[in-house]
Amino acid sequence: MPCTYSTKERSWLLNEYLKTENAEAVRRNWTAKFGTPAPTRRTIYRIRDKANVTGSVIDAPKSGRPKSVCTEENRRLVAEALKDNPGKSSRKTSLELGISRSSAVRILKSMDRKTY
């Protein structure tokens, strides 16, 4: 299973590599500092290469279709619709607001509400 590193950890790895220019030294320093298994040399080199190409260790935006229905506006509308009748079903709520039932359920779950 691939391990993911936070932006701070990747930045630390890059800085250590730039200081030493030795992946094994970076691995030893990682183990001494964090007490966890060190990233592989390949991972260190990939982080270095990514920084050389993009100028950053931050991940690129993910591809795929964004969830555009669960906007703040729709969350507010669902909250207002449930203000008078908190037990209203997700089906009635979705019909009333003109959004799909699955989107209404997703919004209700994000609001920690029961989905009737």
Protein backbone atom coordinates (compact mmCIF):
# COMPACT_ATOMS: atom_id res chain seq x y z
CA MET A 1 0.00 0.00 0.00
CA PRO A 2 1.52 3.34 -0.95
CA CYS A 3 2.25 5.75 1.86
CA THR A 4 1.28 9.39 1.50
CA TYR A 5 3.22 12.14 3.15
CA SER A 6 1.92 15.51 4.26
CA THR A 7 3.14 18.68 2.61
CA LYS A 8 5.27 19.45 5.69
CA GLU A 9 6.88 16.01 5.56
CA ARG A 10 7.58 16.30 1.82
CA SER A 11 9.04 19.75 2.37
CA TRP A 12 11.25 18.40 5.17
CA LEU A 13 12.42 15.55 2.90
CA LEU A 14 13.27 17.98 0.11
CA ASN A 15 15.18 20.33 2.44
CA GLU A 16 17.15 17.43 3.91
CA TYR A 17 17.96 16.14 0.44
CA LEU A 18 19.11 19.58 -0.69
CA LYS A 19 21.40 19.81 2.36
CA THR A 20 22.99 16.39 1.96
CA GLU A 21 22.28 15.37 -1.66
CA ASN A 22 22.22 11.83 -0.33
CA ALA A 23 18.98 9.85 -0.08
CA GLU A 24 20.39 7.37 2.44
CA ALA A 25 21.40 10.23 4.76
CA VAL A 26 17.88 11.62 4.45
CA ARG A 27 16.46 8.19 5.36
CA ARG A 28 18.71 7.95 8.45
CA ASN A 29 17.76 11.49 9.53
CA TRP A 30 14.06 10.68 9.03
CA THR A 31 14.26 7.62 11.29
CA ALA A 32 16.19 9.57 13.93
CA LYS A 33 13.75 12.50 13.87
CA PHE A 34 10.37 10.78 13.44
CA GLY A 35 11.02 7.24 14.70
CA THR A 36 8.96 5.77 11.85
CA PRO A 37 10.02 3.76 8.81
CA ALA A 38 11.81 6.03 6.38
CA PRO A 39 10.51 6.71 2.88
CA THR A 40 12.23 4.81 0.11
CA ARG A 41 15.03 6.34 -1.94
CA ARG A 42 12.66 6.28 -4.89
CA THR A 43 10.12 8.37 -2.96
CA ILE A 44 12.80 10.90 -2.03
CA TYR A 45 13.94 11.14 -5.65
CA ARG A 46 10.35 11.57 -6.85
CA ILE A 47 9.78 14.42 -4.39
CA ARG A 48 13.04 16.03 -5.58
CA ASP A 49 12.05 15.64 -9.23
CA LYS A 50 8.57 17.01 -8.59
CA ALA A 51 10.06 20.08 -6.91
CA ASN A 52 12.45 20.57 -9.86
CA VAL A 53 9.63 20.37 -12.42
CA THR A 54 6.82 22.21 -10.63
CA GLY A 55 8.75 24.27 -8.09
CA SER A 56 6.57 22.87 -5.30
CA VAL A 57 5.93 19.69 -3.32
CA ILE A 58 2.19 20.35 -3.16
CA ASP A 59 -0.08 17.88 -4.96
CA ALA A 60 -1.71 18.94 -8.19
CA PRO A 61 -5.51 19.33 -8.17
CA LYS A 62 -7.27 16.01 -8.55
CA SER A 63 -9.10 15.25 -11.74
CA GLY A 64 -12.70 14.16 -11.88
CA ARG A 65 -16.11 15.62 -11.68
CA PRO A 66 -16.58 18.00 -8.74
CA LYS A 67 -19.60 17.66 -6.48
CA SER A 68 -21.35 20.81 -7.55
CA VAL A 69 -24.74 20.17 -5.94
CA CYS A 70 -23.48 20.22 -2.36
CA THR A 71 -22.84 23.96 -2.37
CA GLU A 72 -23.21 26.26 0.61
CA GLU A 73 -26.35 27.68 -1.00
CA ASN A 74 -27.97 24.23 -1.19
CA ARG A 75 -26.89 23.42 2.37
CA ARG A 76 -28.57 26.63 3.54
CA LEU A 77 -31.75 25.80 1.56
CA VAL A 78 -31.92 22.29 3.05
CA ALA A 79 -31.38 23.69 6.57
CA GLU A 80 -34.21 26.20 6.03
CA ALA A 81 -36.50 23.51 4.62
CA LEU A 82 -35.96 21.39 7.73
CA LYS A 83 -36.35 24.27 10.18
CA ASP A 84 -40.16 23.97 10.31
CA ASN A 85 -40.29 20.17 10.09
CA PRO A 86 -37.05 18.44 11.14
CA GLY A 87 -38.52 15.01 10.43
CA LYS A 88 -39.26 15.75 6.77
CA SER A 89 -38.18 12.94 4.49
CA SER A 90 -35.23 13.34 2.16
CA ARG A 91 -37.55 12.53 -0.74
CA LYS A 92 -39.91 15.42 0.06
CA THR A 93 -36.99 17.74 0.72
CA SER A 94 -35.38 16.91 -2.62
CA LEU A 95 -38.65 17.37 -4.52
CA GLU A 96 -39.29 20.68 -2.80
CA LEU A 97 -35.81 22.04 -3.59
CA GLY A 98 -35.40 20.54 -7.06
CA ILE A 99 -32.28 18.51 -6.29
CA SER A 100 -31.76 14.77 -6.51
CA ARG A 101 -32.60 12.57 -3.54
CA SER A 102 -29.01 11.31 -3.29
CA SER A 103 -27.75 14.90 -3.09
CA ALA A 104 -30.31 15.71 -0.41
CA VAL A 105 -29.22 12.63 1.57
CA ARG A 106 -25.55 13.60 1.18
CA ILE A 107 -26.26 17.12 2.44
CA LEU A 108 -28.34 15.81 5.37
CA LYS A 109 -25.56 13.42 6.36
CA SER A 110 -22.98 16.21 6.23
CA MET A 111 -25.26 18.18 8.60
CA ASP A 112 -25.39 15.15 10.96
CA ARG A 113 -29.13 14.82 10.39
CA LYS A 114 -31.18 11.65 10.10
CA THR A 115 -32.20 10.73 6.57
CA TYR A 116 -35.83 9.66 6.68
